[in-house]
Amino acid sequence: MRPRHTQKTKSSGLTGHERWLVSYADFVTLLLAFFVTMYAVTRLDSEKLTVAQQSINRALNAPVFLGGFPSEAGLNKNPAGLSGDLVGATLVRTPPASQMEEVTKAVQGELQDKIDNGELKLLHTGKGLVLRLPEFLFFDSGQATIRPEARPLLDKLAKILQLIPNNIVIEGHTDNRPIHTPQFPSNWELSTARAAALVRYFIEEHHLDPARLAAAGYGEYHPVASNDDDQGRQANRRVELIIRPMEKSIKPQLTAGK
């Protein structure tokens, strides 16, 4: 009996029991092609999505109001005394993070000298953009009447607040030394009165929308330094102006005035 010989295919040169390798190789090739195609389609969709988003943003970023807020009637396009880099400010829709960046730049531009010399501090916190105002620049010890020397600084700040629609919270803080006067029986009353004084100033002198403003007093219970020495107590006696982030934001596009 003659031994059985395995026949080779003419096309591949493989023996009969190795022909499965052809099908396996074809399957692997098709699988590779499938995943390459899926990757290419995904990249294409991502690029198309980016283009679509950019187009939508350009459509939404049309100017909606000039020199004020849609809800505030009677504001001038150029508030009196507004510095040149804020003249002609246009409000446009923008994501919240970008809006807060623009607000920060505007505040820094107007108050940079005070920030550089350490009189004012500008901080980003979970509550928003915080401008820390020390007591000695704005109030006499134990008083809640704004010092006349502080008014030009508040006027500069008010011009920025007129150009943004963000809500503003003003917080009063004291050190831990007790106060007992007929006007202020405790630090609660003193801290709240100082915050309210700034709110009233912005409303009465610069006609900011009262619905955007809030005043709060925290007494000595939110210190930023130790109350064990004079330097720490001085840091704790402060008012903080907090510019709150917006959910649906409008930012000032700053352009040079003509």
Protein backbone atom coordinates (compact mmCIF):
# COMPACT_ATOMS: atom_id res chain seq x y z
CA MET A 1 0.00 0.00 0.00
CA ARG A 2 1.45 3.28 -1.12
CA PRO A 3 1.83 6.01 1.53
CA ARG A 4 -0.60 8.93 1.21
CA HIS A 5 1.08 12.14 0.16
CA THR A 6 -0.35 15.55 1.12
CA GLN A 7 -1.12 17.61 -1.94
CA LYS A 8 -0.01 21.28 -2.15
CA THR A 9 -2.26 23.93 -3.62
CA LYS A 10 -1.08 25.55 -6.79
CA SER A 11 -1.93 29.06 -5.64
CA SER A 12 -0.44 29.22 -2.14
CA GLY A 13 1.99 26.37 -1.93
CA LEU A 14 0.46 25.30 1.41
CA THR A 15 -0.33 21.72 2.29
CA GLY A 16 -3.98 20.75 2.74
CA HIS A 17 -4.01 20.84 6.53
CA GLU A 18 -2.41 24.36 6.54
CA ARG A 19 -5.03 26.06 4.36
CA TRP A 20 -6.73 27.48 7.46
CA LEU A 21 -3.84 29.96 7.72
CA VAL A 22 -5.11 31.70 4.59
CA SER A 23 -8.52 32.28 6.12
CA TYR A 24 -6.96 33.36 9.41
CA ALA A 25 -4.65 35.84 7.68
CA ASP A 26 -7.59 37.26 5.72
CA PHE A 27 -9.58 37.64 8.94
CA VAL A 28 -6.74 39.46 10.73
CA THR A 29 -6.28 41.76 7.73
CA LEU A 30 -9.98 42.60 7.65
CA LEU A 31 -10.00 43.19 11.41
CA LEU A 32 -7.05 45.58 11.13
CA ALA A 33 -8.74 47.41 8.26
CA PHE A 34 -11.94 47.70 10.33
CA PHE A 35 -10.22 49.32 13.29
CA VAL A 36 -8.18 51.65 11.08
CA THR A 37 -11.41 52.73 9.38
CA MET A 38 -13.15 53.26 12.73
CA TYR A 39 -10.23 55.38 13.96
CA ALA A 40 -10.29 57.46 10.80
CA VAL A 41 -14.05 57.99 11.07
CA THR A 42 -13.70 59.00 14.71
CA ARG A 43 -11.01 61.57 13.89
CA LEU A 44 -13.14 62.91 11.06
CA ASP A 45 -16.21 63.25 13.29
CA SER A 46 -14.12 65.00 15.94
CA GLU A 47 -12.77 67.47 13.42
CA LYS A 48 -16.24 68.09 12.01
CA LEU A 49 -17.58 68.59 15.53
CA THR A 50 -14.83 71.12 16.29
CA VAL A 51 -15.63 73.05 13.11
CA ALA A 52 -19.34 73.01 13.97
CA GLN A 53 -18.66 74.25 17.50
CA GLN A 54 -16.50 77.07 16.19
CA SER A 55 -19.23 78.08 13.76
CA ILE A 56 -21.83 78.10 16.54
CA ASN A 57 -19.55 80.15 18.79
CA ARG A 58 -18.97 82.69 16.04
CA ALA A 59 -22.72 82.97 15.53
CA LEU A 60 -23.38 83.43 19.25
CA ASN A 61 -20.53 85.86 19.83
CA ALA A 62 -22.33 88.70 18.12
CA PRO A 63 -22.44 91.94 20.19
CA VAL A 64 -25.58 92.04 22.28
CA PHE A 65 -25.23 95.39 24.00
CA LEU A 66 -22.86 98.32 24.11
CA GLY A 67 -21.51 99.98 27.25
CA GLY A 68 -23.83 98.51 29.88
CA PHE A 69 -26.36 95.80 30.58
CA PRO A 70 -29.54 94.95 28.69
CA SER A 71 -31.48 95.13 31.95
CA GLU A 72 -30.15 98.56 32.92
CA ALA A 73 -31.67 101.51 31.11
CA GLY A 74 -30.05 104.90 31.00
CA LEU A 75 -26.40 103.91 31.32
CA ASN A 76 -24.03 105.90 29.12
CA LYS A 77 -21.99 104.13 26.48
CA ASN A 78 -18.92 105.69 28.03
CA PRO A 79 -19.36 106.19 31.79
CA ALA A 80 -17.82 109.48 32.87
CA GLY A 81 -14.12 109.27 33.48
CA LEU A 82 -13.74 105.76 32.06
CA SER A 83 -10.15 105.05 31.10
CA GLY A 84 -9.29 104.66 27.42
CA ASP A 85 -8.86 100.89 27.44
CA LEU A 86 -12.44 100.43 28.65
CA VAL A 87 -14.10 102.89 26.28
CA GLY A 88 -16.33 101.17 23.75
CA ALA A 89 -16.57 97.95 25.71
CA THR A 90 -18.90 95.49 24.02
CA LEU A 91 -20.63 92.69 25.89
CA VAL A 92 -20.65 89.32 24.15
CA ARG A 93 -21.70 85.83 25.12
CA THR A 94 -18.80 83.68 26.28
CA PRO A 95 -18.11 80.64 28.48
CA PRO A 96 -17.93 81.37 32.25
CA ALA A 97 -14.19 80.68 32.58
CA SER A 98 -13.33 83.07 29.76
CA GLN A 99 -15.64 85.71 31.18
CA MET A 100 -13.94 85.60 34.57
CA GLU A 101 -10.55 85.88 32.88
CA GLU A 102 -11.70 89.06 31.16
CA VAL A 103 -13.07 90.44 34.42
CA THR A 104 -9.76 89.69 36.14
CA LYS A 105 -7.82 91.51 33.42
CA ALA A 106 -10.13 94.51 33.68
CA VAL A 107 -9.74 94.73 37.47
CA GLN A 108 -5.98 94.32 37.26
CA GLY A 109 -5.73 96.95 34.55
CA GLU A 110 -7.50 99.57 36.64
CA LEU A 111 -6.01 98.72 40.06
CA GLN A 112 -2.59 97.29 39.19
CA ASP A 113 -0.66 99.98 41.10
CA LYS A 114 -2.56 99.22 44.32
CA ILE A 115 -2.14 95.50 43.79
CA ASP A 116 1.58 95.82 43.10
CA ASN A 117 2.27 97.82 46.25
CA GLY A 118 0.32 95.34 48.36
CA GLU A 119 -2.53 97.64 49.38
CA LEU A 120 -5.07 95.45 47.61
CA LYS A 121 -5.10 91.71 47.02
CA LEU A 122 -6.78 89.92 44.12
CA LEU A 123 -7.59 86.25 44.65
CA HIS A 124 -9.36 83.47 42.75
CA THR A 125 -11.44 81.32 45.10
CA GLY A 126 -14.33 78.91 44.86
CA LYS A 127 -16.67 81.84 45.51
CA GLY A 128 -15.34 83.87 42.59
CA LEU A 129 -12.85 86.68 42.04
CA VAL A 130 -12.09 88.25 45.44
CA LEU A 131 -10.75 91.77 45.84
CA ARG A 132 -9.52 92.17 49.42
CA LEU A 133 -9.84 95.74 50.70
CA PRO A 134 -8.00 96.53 53.96
CA GLU A 135 -9.74 98.50 56.68
CA PHE A 136 -7.12 101.24 56.92
CA LEU A 137 -7.75 102.38 53.33
CA PHE A 138 -11.52 102.65 53.68
CA PHE A 139 -12.60 103.05 57.31
CA ASP A 140 -11.41 104.58 60.55
CA SER A 141 -11.02 102.21 63.47
CA GLY A 142 -14.38 101.13 64.86
CA GLN A 143 -16.30 103.10 62.18
CA ALA A 144 -18.34 102.19 59.11
CA THR A 145 -18.23 105.53 57.30
CA ILE A 146 -16.20 105.41 54.07
CA ARG A 147 -13.14 107.65 54.25
CA PRO A 148 -13.11 110.42 51.61
CA GLU A 149 -9.64 109.31 50.48
CA ALA A 150 -11.08 105.94 49.46
CA ARG A 151 -13.69 107.30 47.09
CA PRO A 152 -11.45 107.64 43.97
CA LEU A 153 -10.45 103.99 44.32
CA LEU A 154 -14.08 102.90 44.72
CA ASP A 155 -15.01 105.02 41.69
CA LYS A 156 -12.46 103.16 39.57
CA LEU A 157 -13.83 99.86 40.77
CA ALA A 158 -17.42 100.94 40.13
CA LYS A 159 -16.62 101.69 36.48
CA ILE A 160 -15.57 98.08 36.01
CA LEU A 161 -18.64 96.78 37.82
CA GLN A 162 -20.82 98.86 35.47
CA LEU A 163 -19.43 96.95 32.49
CA ILE A 164 -20.02 93.43 33.77
CA PRO A 165 -23.31 91.73 34.64
CA ASN A 166 -21.90 89.51 37.43
CA ASN A 167 -23.48 89.50 40.86
CA ILE A 168 -21.40 91.13 43.60
CA VAL A 169 -21.16 90.07 47.24
CA ILE A 170 -19.44 92.39 49.71
CA GLU A 171 -18.31 90.82 52.98
CA GLY A 172 -17.18 92.63 56.10
CA HIS A 173 -14.61 91.10 58.48
CA THR A 174 -13.00 92.21 61.75
CA ASP A 175 -10.31 90.99 64.13
CA ASN A 176 -11.22 89.33 67.42
CA ARG A 177 -11.00 92.37 69.64
CA PRO A 178 -14.48 93.10 71.01
CA ILE A 179 -16.30 96.34 70.35
CA HIS A 180 -19.04 97.78 72.55
CA THR A 181 -20.42 101.09 71.33
CA PRO A 182 -23.98 102.42 71.06
CA GLN A 183 -23.74 102.13 67.28
CA PHE A 184 -21.98 98.75 67.12
CA PRO A 185 -22.63 96.47 70.10
CA SER A 186 -20.44 93.74 68.56
CA ASN A 187 -18.21 92.94 65.61
CA TRP A 188 -21.21 91.47 63.82
CA GLU A 189 -22.82 94.90 63.50
CA LEU A 190 -19.53 96.59 62.57
CA SER A 191 -18.61 94.12 59.83
CA THR A 192 -22.12 94.14 58.38
CA ALA A 193 -22.34 97.93 58.44
CA ARG A 194 -19.06 98.28 56.55
CA ALA A 195 -20.21 95.88 53.85
CA ALA A 196 -23.53 97.69 53.59
CA ALA A 197 -21.75 101.05 53.31
CA LEU A 198 -19.91 99.92 50.18
CA VAL A 199 -23.08 98.45 48.68
CA ARG A 200 -24.92 101.70 49.31
CA TYR A 201 -22.08 103.71 47.78
CA PHE A 202 -22.14 101.71 44.55
CA ILE A 203 -25.92 102.02 44.30
CA GLU A 204 -26.27 105.68 45.22
CA GLU A 205 -23.15 107.10 43.59
CA HIS A 206 -22.84 104.85 40.52
CA HIS A 207 -26.37 103.50 40.06
CA LEU A 208 -25.47 99.83 40.04
CA ASP A 209 -28.47 97.53 39.94
CA PRO A 210 -29.34 96.74 43.58
CA ALA A 211 -30.46 93.25 42.55
CA ARG A 212 -26.85 92.41 41.69
CA LEU A 213 -25.47 93.38 45.11
CA ALA A 214 -25.46 91.72 48.51
CA ALA A 215 -23.85 92.61 51.85
CA ALA A 216 -22.75 90.19 54.57
CA GLY A 217 -20.95 90.51 57.90
CA TYR A 218 -18.81 87.76 59.40
CA GLY A 219 -17.34 89.51 62.42
CA GLU A 220 -14.08 87.91 63.53
CA TYR A 221 -15.06 84.37 62.51
CA HIS A 222 -13.38 84.17 59.09
CA PRO A 223 -9.80 85.31 59.77
CA VAL A 224 -7.07 85.14 57.14
CA ALA A 225 -4.24 85.52 59.67
CA SER A 226 -3.55 84.99 63.35
CA ASN A 227 -5.11 87.43 65.80
CA ASP A 228 -2.15 87.02 68.15
CA ASP A 229 -0.23 90.04 66.81
CA ASP A 230 -0.93 93.47 65.33
CA GLN A 231 0.03 92.45 61.79
CA GLY A 232 -2.38 89.53 61.77
CA ARG A 233 -5.21 91.56 63.27
CA GLN A 234 -4.67 94.26 60.64
CA ALA A 235 -4.96 91.65 57.87
CA ASN A 236 -8.20 90.35 59.37
CA ARG A 237 -9.82 93.80 59.44
CA ARG A 238 -10.97 93.94 55.86
CA VAL A 239 -13.83 94.07 53.38
CA GLU A 240 -13.90 91.58 50.53
CA LEU A 241 -15.61 92.36 47.26
CA ILE A 242 -16.49 89.11 45.50
CA ILE A 243 -17.35 89.03 41.81
CA ARG A 244 -19.40 85.89 41.34
CA PRO A 245 -19.01 83.69 38.23
CA MET A 246 -21.92 83.57 35.82
CA GLU A 247 -23.65 80.44 34.53
CA LYS A 248 -24.53 82.10 31.23
CA SER A 249 -21.88 84.73 30.89
CA ILE A 250 -21.39 87.96 29.06
CA LYS A 251 -17.94 89.47 29.01
CA PRO A 252 -16.59 92.90 28.13
CA GLN A 253 -14.47 92.92 24.97
CA LEU A 254 -12.04 95.70 25.75
CA THR A 255 -11.18 97.97 22.86
CA ALA A 256 -9.30 101.24 22.74
CA GLY A 257 -11.44 104.35 22.67
CA LYS A 258 -11.45 106.65 19.70
